[in-house]
C-alpha atoms as a PDB file:
ATOM      1  CA  MET A   1      22.585 -53.441 -50.741  1.00  0.00           C
ATOM      2  CA  ILE A   2      20.230 -54.361 -47.692  1.00  0.00           C
ATOM      3  CA  LYS A   3      17.431 -56.889 -48.396  1.00  0.00           C
ATOM      4  CA  ILE A   4      14.257 -56.174 -46.175  1.00  0.00           C
ATOM      5  CA  GLU A   5      12.405 -59.384 -45.624  1.00  0.00           C
ATOM      6  CA  GLU A   6       9.886 -58.016 -43.202  1.00  0.00           C
ATOM      7  CA  LYS A   7       6.918 -55.522 -43.607  1.00  0.00           C
ATOM      8  CA  ILE A   8       7.757 -51.819 -43.189  1.00  0.00           C
ATOM      9  CA  VAL A   9       5.631 -50.371 -40.358  1.00  0.00           C
ATOM     10  CA  GLY A  10       7.282 -47.215 -39.646  1.00  0.00           C
ATOM     11  CA  TYR A  11      10.604 -45.003 -40.374  1.00  0.00           C
ATOM     12  CA  GLY A  12      12.559 -42.339 -38.683  1.00  0.00           C
ATOM     13  CA  VAL A  13      15.438 -40.163 -39.645  1.00  0.00           C
ATOM     14  CA  ALA A  14      18.812 -40.725 -37.875  1.00  0.00           C
ATOM     15  CA  GLN A  15      20.707 -37.605 -36.650  1.00  0.00           C
ATOM     16  CA  PRO A  16      24.146 -37.215 -35.592  1.00  0.00           C
ATOM     17  CA  GLU A  17      24.779 -37.307 -31.818  1.00  0.00           C
ATOM     18  CA  SER A  18      26.339 -33.811 -31.816  1.00  0.00           C
ATOM     19  CA  ALA A  19      22.887 -32.589 -33.304  1.00  0.00           C
ATOM     20  CA  GLU A  20      20.666 -34.132 -30.596  1.00  0.00           C
ATOM     21  CA  LYS A  21      22.895 -32.585 -27.869  1.00  0.00           C
ATOM     22  CA  SER A  22      22.648 -29.106 -29.327  1.00  0.00           C
ATOM     23  CA  ALA A  23      19.100 -29.032 -29.748  1.00  0.00           C
ATOM     24  CA  LYS A  24      17.145 -26.910 -27.302  1.00  0.00           C
ATOM     25  CA  PRO A  25      13.591 -27.449 -26.156  1.00  0.00           C
ATOM     26  CA  GLU A  26      11.083 -25.095 -27.462  1.00  0.00           C
ATOM     27  CA  PHE A  27       9.088 -23.128 -24.795  1.00  0.00           C
ATOM     28  CA  LYS A  28       5.637 -21.437 -25.380  1.00  0.00           C
ATOM     29  CA  ARG A  29       6.163 -17.821 -25.879  1.00  0.00           C
ATOM     30  CA  GLU A  30       3.527 -15.025 -25.751  1.00  0.00           C
ATOM     31  CA  GLY A  31       4.227 -11.837 -27.517  1.00  0.00           C
ATOM     32  CA  GLY A  32       3.645  -8.905 -25.285  1.00  0.00           C
ATOM     33  CA  GLY A  33       3.070  -6.272 -27.847  1.00  0.00           C
ATOM     34  CA  GLY A  34       4.143  -2.840 -27.892  1.00  0.00           C
ATOM     35  CA  ASP A  35       6.825  -2.162 -25.349  1.00  0.00           C
ATOM     36  CA  ARG A  36       6.005  -5.287 -23.270  1.00  0.00           C
ATOM     37  CA  ALA A  37       8.642  -8.017 -23.120  1.00  0.00           C
ATOM     38  CA  GLU A  38       8.004 -11.542 -24.281  1.00  0.00           C
ATOM     39  CA  VAL A  39       6.757 -13.900 -21.657  1.00  0.00           C
ATOM     40  CA  ILE A  40       8.215 -17.408 -21.578  1.00  0.00           C
ATOM     41  CA  ARG A  41       6.259 -20.170 -19.966  1.00  0.00           C
ATOM     42  CA  MET A  42       8.655 -22.384 -18.127  1.00  0.00           C
ATOM     43  CA  HIS A  43       7.724 -25.892 -17.239  1.00  0.00           C
ATOM     44  CA  GLU A  44       9.589 -25.987 -13.828  1.00  0.00           C
ATOM     45  CA  LYS A  45       7.521 -25.786 -10.616  1.00  0.00           C
ATOM     46  CA  LEU A  46       9.003 -23.901  -7.647  1.00  0.00           C
ATOM     47  CA  GLU A  47       8.488 -25.879  -4.376  1.00  0.00           C
ATOM     48  CA  ARG A  48       7.735 -24.272  -1.128  1.00  0.00           C
ATOM     49  CA  PRO A  49      10.888 -24.292   1.274  1.00  0.00           C
ATOM     50  CA  GLU A  50      10.678 -25.605   4.694  1.00  0.00           C
ATOM     51  CA  MET A  51      11.080 -22.132   6.169  1.00  0.00           C
ATOM     52  CA  LEU A  52       9.885 -18.752   4.771  1.00  0.00           C
ATOM     53  CA  VAL A  53      10.586 -15.305   6.196  1.00  0.00           C
ATOM     54  CA  GLY A  54       7.665 -12.830   6.545  1.00  0.00           C
ATOM     55  CA  SER A  55       5.893  -9.933   8.220  1.00  0.00           C
ATOM     56  CA  THR A  56       2.630  -9.904  10.071  1.00  0.00           C
ATOM     57  CA  TYR A  57       0.402  -6.727  10.021  1.00  0.00           C
ATOM     58  CA  LYS A  58      -2.477  -6.032  12.440  1.00  0.00           C
ATOM     59  CA  VAL A  59      -5.682  -4.364  10.918  1.00  0.00           C
ATOM     60  CA  LYS A  60      -8.265  -3.061  13.541  1.00  0.00           C
ATOM     61  CA  THR A  61     -11.250  -1.600  11.854  1.00  0.00           C
ATOM     62  CA  PRO A  62     -13.901   0.362  13.837  1.00  0.00           C
ATOM     63  CA  ILE A  63     -16.611  -1.770  12.136  1.00  0.00           C
ATOM     64  CA  SER A  64     -15.521  -5.061  13.664  1.00  0.00           C
ATOM     65  CA  ASP A  65     -14.796  -5.940  17.292  1.00  0.00           C
ATOM     66  CA  HIS A  66     -12.050  -8.311  16.371  1.00  0.00           C
ATOM     67  CA  ALA A  67      -8.677  -7.353  14.704  1.00  0.00           C
ATOM     68  CA  MET A  68      -7.337  -9.287  11.676  1.00  0.00           C
ATOM     69  CA  TYR A  69      -3.712 -10.278  11.338  1.00  0.00           C
ATOM     70  CA  VAL A  70      -2.277 -10.337   7.839  1.00  0.00           C
ATOM     71  CA  THR A  71       0.896 -12.420   7.460  1.00  0.00           C
ATOM     72  CA  ILE A  72       2.868 -12.339   4.174  1.00  0.00           C
ATOM     73  CA  ASN A  73       5.647 -14.693   3.720  1.00  0.00           C
ATOM     74  CA  ASP A  74       8.426 -14.261   1.193  1.00  0.00           C
ATOM     75  CA  ILE A  75      10.811 -16.623  -0.531  1.00  0.00           C
ATOM     76  CA  ILE A  76      14.523 -15.638  -1.043  1.00  0.00           C
ATOM     77  CA  LEU A  77      15.712 -16.242  -4.536  1.00  0.00           C
ATOM     78  CA  ASN A  78      19.547 -16.712  -5.232  1.00  0.00           C
ATOM     79  CA  GLN A  79      20.259 -16.650  -1.520  1.00  0.00           C
ATOM     80  CA  GLY A  80      23.881 -15.649  -0.676  1.00  0.00           C
ATOM     81  CA  THR A  81      24.694 -14.106  -3.987  1.00  0.00           C
ATOM     82  CA  GLU A  82      24.770 -10.695  -5.390  1.00  0.00           C
ATOM     83  CA  HIS A  83      21.525 -11.404  -7.277  1.00  0.00           C
ATOM     84  CA  GLU A  84      19.498 -12.340  -4.076  1.00  0.00           C
ATOM     85  CA  LYS A  85      15.973 -11.250  -4.289  1.00  0.00           C
ATOM     86  CA  ARG A  86      13.143 -11.385  -1.933  1.00  0.00           C
ATOM     87  CA  ARG A  87       9.719 -12.189  -3.368  1.00  0.00           C
ATOM     88  CA  PRO A  88       6.229 -12.600  -1.952  1.00  0.00           C
ATOM     89  CA  PHE A  89       5.143 -16.164  -1.857  1.00  0.00           C
ATOM     90  CA  GLU A  90       1.937 -16.663   0.131  1.00  0.00           C
ATOM     91  CA  ILE A  91      -0.420 -14.514   2.450  1.00  0.00           C
ATOM     92  CA  PHE A  92      -2.543 -15.569   5.370  1.00  0.00           C
ATOM     93  CA  ILE A  93      -5.406 -13.658   7.265  1.00  0.00           C
ATOM     94  CA  ASN A  94      -6.433 -14.626  10.598  1.00  0.00           C
ATOM     95  CA  SER A  95      -9.274 -13.236  12.808  1.00  0.00           C
ATOM     96  CA  LYS A  96     -11.687 -14.362  15.350  1.00  0.00           C
ATOM     97  CA  ASN A  97     -14.583 -12.949  13.384  1.00  0.00           C
ATOM     98  CA  LEU A  98     -16.009 -15.849  11.437  1.00  0.00           C
ATOM     99  CA  ASP A  99     -18.441 -13.586   9.240  1.00  0.00           C
ATOM    100  CA  HIS A 100     -15.601 -13.110   7.001  1.00  0.00           C
ATOM    101  CA  TYR A 101     -14.273 -16.601   6.848  1.00  0.00           C
ATOM    102  CA  GLN A 102     -15.344 -17.791   3.475  1.00  0.00           C
ATOM    103  CA  TRP A 103     -14.060 -14.699   1.316  1.00  0.00           C
ATOM    104  CA  ILE A 104     -10.950 -14.658   3.476  1.00  0.00           C
ATOM    105  CA  VAL A 105     -10.053 -18.157   2.552  1.00  0.00           C
ATOM    106  CA  ALA A 106     -10.885 -17.544  -1.004  1.00  0.00           C
ATOM    107  CA  LEU A 107      -9.013 -14.103  -1.031  1.00  0.00           C
ATOM    108  CA  THR A 108      -5.763 -15.604   0.553  1.00  0.00           C
ATOM    109  CA  ARG A 109      -5.673 -18.545  -1.895  1.00  0.00           C
ATOM    110  CA  ILE A 110      -6.152 -16.389  -4.995  1.00  0.00           C
ATOM    111  CA  ILE A 111      -3.484 -13.716  -3.915  1.00  0.00           C
ATOM    112  CA  SER A 112      -1.017 -16.618  -2.996  1.00  0.00           C
ATOM    113  CA  ALA A 113      -1.453 -18.164  -6.365  1.00  0.00           C
ATOM    114  CA  VAL A 114      -0.677 -14.845  -8.122  1.00  0.00           C
ATOM    115  CA  PHE A 115       2.405 -14.512  -5.808  1.00  0.00           C
ATOM    116  CA  ARG A 116       3.760 -17.974  -6.689  1.00  0.00           C
ATOM    117  CA  LYS A 117       2.978 -17.344 -10.369  1.00  0.00           C
ATOM    118  CA  GLY A 118       5.764 -14.745 -10.215  1.00  0.00           C
ATOM    119  CA  GLY A 119       6.092 -11.605 -12.546  1.00  0.00           C
ATOM    120  CA  ASP A 120       4.866  -8.155 -11.668  1.00  0.00           C
ATOM    121  CA  VAL A 121       2.527  -8.618  -8.719  1.00  0.00           C
ATOM    122  CA  ALA A 122       1.916  -4.863  -8.179  1.00  0.00           C
ATOM    123  CA  PHE A 123      -1.223  -4.747 -10.049  1.00  0.00           C
ATOM    124  CA  LEU A 124      -2.885  -6.457  -7.118  1.00  0.00           C
ATOM    125  CA  VAL A 125      -2.479  -3.273  -5.067  1.00  0.00           C
ATOM    126  CA  ASP A 126      -4.546  -1.171  -7.480  1.00  0.00           C
ATOM    127  CA  GLU A 127      -7.207  -3.829  -7.722  1.00  0.00           C
ATOM    128  CA  LEU A 128      -7.658  -4.343  -4.119  1.00  0.00           C
ATOM    129  CA  LYS A 129      -7.648  -0.647  -3.338  1.00  0.00           C
ATOM    130  CA  ALA A 130     -10.490  -0.139  -5.880  1.00  0.00           C
ATOM    131  CA  VAL A 131     -12.943  -2.285  -3.897  1.00  0.00           C
ATOM    132  CA  PHE A 132     -15.669  -0.198  -2.158  1.00  0.00           C
ATOM    133  CA  ASP A 133     -17.992  -1.373   0.537  1.00  0.00           C
ATOM    134  CA  PRO A 134     -21.720  -0.854  -0.606  1.00  0.00           C
ATOM    135  CA  ARG A 135     -22.491  -0.136   3.072  1.00  0.00           C
ATOM    136  CA  GLY A 136     -19.973   2.607   3.287  1.00  0.00           C
ATOM    137  CA  GLY A 137     -16.180   2.734   4.404  1.00  0.00           C
ATOM    138  CA  TYR A 138     -14.744   3.962   7.590  1.00  0.00           C
ATOM    139  CA  TRP A 139     -12.141   6.363   9.009  1.00  0.00           C
ATOM    140  CA  GLN A 140      -8.706   5.237  10.253  1.00  0.00           C
ATOM    141  CA  ALA A 141      -6.924   6.714  13.156  1.00  0.00           C
ATOM    142  CA  GLY A 142      -5.251   9.794  11.873  1.00  0.00           C
ATOM    143  CA  GLY A 143      -8.185  10.849   9.427  1.00  0.00           C
ATOM    144  CA  LYS A 144      -7.593   8.521   6.573  1.00  0.00           C
ATOM    145  CA  PHE A 145     -10.659   7.220   4.852  1.00  0.00           C
ATOM    146  CA  MET A 146     -10.805   3.582   3.809  1.00  0.00           C
ATOM    147  CA  PRO A 147     -13.480   2.418   1.393  1.00  0.00           C
ATOM    148  CA  SER A 148     -13.543  -1.214   2.643  1.00  0.00           C
ATOM    149  CA  ILE A 149     -11.662  -3.882   4.520  1.00  0.00           C
ATOM    150  CA  ILE A 150     -10.449  -5.217   0.946  1.00  0.00           C
ATOM    151  CA  ALA A 151      -8.968  -1.846   0.173  1.00  0.00           C
ATOM    152  CA  GLU A 152      -7.068  -1.761   3.444  1.00  0.00           C
ATOM    153  CA  LEU A 153      -5.649  -5.276   2.567  1.00  0.00           C
ATOM    154  CA  GLY A 154      -4.444  -3.575  -0.696  1.00  0.00           C
ATOM    155  CA  TYR A 155      -2.651  -0.895   1.286  1.00  0.00           C
ATOM    156  CA  ILE A 156      -0.895  -3.750   3.456  1.00  0.00           C
ATOM    157  CA  VAL A 157       0.335  -5.348   0.345  1.00  0.00           C
ATOM    158  CA  GLU A 158       1.544  -2.090  -0.975  1.00  0.00           C
ATOM    159  CA  LYS A 159       3.392  -1.452   2.224  1.00  0.00           C
ATOM    160  CA  HIS A 160       4.958  -4.999   2.039  1.00  0.00           C
ATOM    161  CA  LEU A 161       6.007  -4.745  -1.479  1.00  0.00           C
ATOM    162  CA  ILE A 162       7.589  -1.245  -0.755  1.00  0.00           C
ATOM    163  CA  ALA A 163       9.363  -2.878   2.239  1.00  0.00           C
ATOM    164  CA  ILE A 164      10.938  -5.617   0.102  1.00  0.00           C
ATOM    165  CA  GLY A 165      11.878  -3.398  -2.705  1.00  0.00           C
ATOM    166  CA  LEU A 166       9.310  -4.542  -5.430  1.00  0.00           C
ATOM    167  CA  MET A 167       7.530  -1.066  -5.557  1.00  0.00           C
ATOM    168  CA  ALA A 168       8.815   2.423  -5.084  1.00  0.00           C
ATOM    169  CA  ALA A 169       7.366   4.527  -2.119  1.00  0.00           C
ATOM    170  CA  PRO A 170       4.704   7.029  -3.329  1.00  0.00           C
ATOM    171  CA  GLY A 171       5.737  10.548  -3.180  1.00  0.00           C
ATOM    172  CA  LEU A 172       5.240  13.990  -4.343  1.00  0.00           C
ATOM    173  CA  ASP A 173       7.375  15.735  -7.013  1.00  0.00           C
ATOM    174  CA  GLU A 174       9.238  19.096  -6.418  1.00  0.00           C
ATOM    175  CA  ALA A 175       6.472  21.170  -7.636  1.00  0.00           C
ATOM    176  CA  GLN A 176       3.821  19.684  -5.494  1.00  0.00           C
ATOM    177  CA  GLN A 177       6.127  19.785  -2.375  1.00  0.00           C
ATOM    178  CA  GLN A 178       6.731  23.516  -3.188  1.00  0.00           C
ATOM    179  CA  LEU A 179       3.044  24.183  -3.457  1.00  0.00           C
ATOM    180  CA  LEU A 180       2.125  22.500  -0.301  1.00  0.00           C
ATOM    181  CA  ALA A 181       4.776  24.280   1.608  1.00  0.00           C
ATOM    182  CA  GLU A 182       3.557  27.506   0.373  1.00  0.00           C
ATOM    183  CA  LYS A 183      -0.102  26.767   1.290  1.00  0.00           C
ATOM    184  CA  ARG A 184       1.036  25.534   4.698  1.00  0.00           C
ATOM    185  CA  ALA A 185       3.016  28.782   5.419  1.00  0.00           C
ATOM    186  CA  GLU A 186      -0.047  30.875   4.119  1.00  0.00           C
ATOM    187  CA  TYR A 187      -2.325  28.942   6.630  1.00  0.00           C
ATOM    188  CA  GLU A 188       0.155  29.310   9.473  1.00  0.00           C
ATOM    189  CA  GLU A 189       0.441  33.016   8.940  1.00  0.00           C
ATOM    190  CA  GLY A 190      -3.351  33.427   9.045  1.00  0.00           C
ATOM    191  CA  GLN A 191      -3.393  31.488  12.277  1.00  0.00           C
ATOM    192  CA  LYS A 192      -1.068  33.695  13.976  1.00  0.00           C
ATOM    193  CA  GLN A 193      -3.728  36.239  15.193  1.00  0.00           C
ATOM    194  CA  GLN A 194      -6.181  33.447  16.356  1.00  0.00           C
ATOM    195  CA  ASP A 195      -3.280  32.005  18.180  1.00  0.00           C
ATOM    196  CA  ALA A 196      -2.618  35.301  19.895  1.00  0.00           C
ATOM    197  CA  PHE A 197      -6.271  35.285  21.036  1.00  0.00           C
ATOM    198  CA  SER A 198      -6.360  31.810  22.220  1.00  0.00           C
ATOM    199  CA  LYS A 199      -3.295  32.114  24.436  1.00  0.00           C
ATOM    200  CA  SER A 200      -4.588  35.303  26.067  1.00  0.00           C
ATOM    201  CA  ASP A 201      -4.497  35.569  29.903  1.00  0.00           C
ATOM    202  CA  TYR A 202      -7.594  37.686  29.911  1.00  0.00           C
ATOM    203  CA  PRO A 203     -11.172  36.188  29.977  1.00  0.00           C
ATOM    204  CA  GLU A 204     -12.499  34.451  27.005  1.00  0.00           C
ATOM    205  CA  GLY A 205     -14.547  36.641  24.722  1.00  0.00           C
ATOM    206  CA  ALA A 206     -12.596  39.831  25.588  1.00  0.00           C
ATOM    207  CA  GLN A 207     -12.436  42.515  22.898  1.00  0.00           C
ATOM    208  CA  LEU A 208      -9.624  44.406  21.395  1.00  0.00           C
ATOM    209  CA  CYS A 209      -8.639  47.692  23.220  1.00  0.00           C
ATOM    210  CA  ALA A 210      -8.248  50.668  20.964  1.00  0.00           C
ATOM    211  CA  LYS A 211      -5.642  52.134  23.363  1.00  0.00           C
ATOM    212  CA  CYS A 212      -3.131  49.374  24.009  1.00  0.00           C
ATOM    213  CA  SER A 213      -4.158  46.864  21.178  1.00  0.00           C
ATOM    214  CA  THR A 214      -4.692  44.099  23.664  1.00  0.00           C
ATOM    215  CA  ALA A 215      -7.639  41.676  23.787  1.00  0.00           C
ATOM    216  CA  ALA A 216      -8.554  42.567  27.196  1.00  0.00           C
ATOM    217  CA  VAL A 217     -11.696  44.797  27.089  1.00  0.00           C
ATOM    218  CA  ILE A 218     -14.823  43.255  28.891  1.00  0.00           C
ATOM    219  CA  MET A 219     -18.061  44.552  30.294  1.00  0.00           C
ATOM    220  CA  MET A 220     -17.504  45.530  34.041  1.00  0.00           C
ATOM    221  CA  ASP A 221     -19.929  47.717  36.007  1.00  0.00           C
ATOM    222  CA  GLY A 222     -22.034  48.354  33.007  1.00  0.00           C
ATOM    223  CA  CYS A 223     -18.970  49.920  31.227  1.00  0.00           C
ATOM    224  CA  MET A 224     -16.532  48.614  28.779  1.00  0.00           C
ATOM    225  CA  THR A 225     -13.159  48.465  30.469  1.00  0.00           C
ATOM    226  CA  CYS A 226      -9.762  47.253  29.436  1.00  0.00           C
ATOM    227  CA  LEU A 227      -8.203  44.975  31.966  1.00  0.00           C
ATOM    228  CA  SER A 228      -4.581  45.705  30.581  1.00  0.00           C
ATOM    229  CA  CYS A 229      -4.315  49.448  30.445  1.00  0.00           C
ATOM    230  CA  GLY A 230      -7.458  50.466  32.584  1.00  0.00           C
ATOM    231  CA  ASP A 231      -9.136  52.446  29.702  1.00  0.00           C
ATOM    232  CA  SER A 232     -12.731  52.721  30.167  1.00  0.00           C
ATOM    233  CA  LYS A 233     -15.706  54.268  28.121  1.00  0.00           C
ATOM    234  CA  CYS A 234     -17.124  55.730  31.347  1.00  0.00           C
ATOM    235  CA  GLY A 235     -13.873  57.716  31.763  1.00  0.00           C
END
């Protein structure tokens, strides 16, 4: 029997030392619902290494006199092991045009924060590509329409994610490829006759000769005459 001579101000339950060591910390979990996996919020902060590897992309639009240079730096996880992965960590946009300075700074900070958060960052591509300029977009070299500068940044992020293996390259299935091949063959077949006329050695605008089937009939001395076989409407 133990006699307590002082006032009790609190109490606690003693546990064996082995039980304390086996206890695991509880992390906050968020149910994804459906087919989505559970998300575990970890309390560890990933520090920026002294050196990061990355790529720089040049963006030259016809609506600006100055080009933009987009740099995306990646962090290498599990370097030197079979589980090595390359993940985007930060993005920088540099340009001499100060008209876009504010939104460039805001956009780079937000995208970099999403990169550092981890997880599936591919949704950024669709969000950026869906931005339309109310003043109208522009055409790139090669005939591709770009709805806005932000949308072009989305294509750059997509290109980078494909390069490091986080996204699959967009492509057509077999049925679409077969349909395009058939349409192209049909178009080329229809262009053969035009190509024959365009490569003719006779004057431009010459008509087809009914005798020798050559586009060489022209008006000469007031009479339609074929320059290939000499056939003439005047005899």
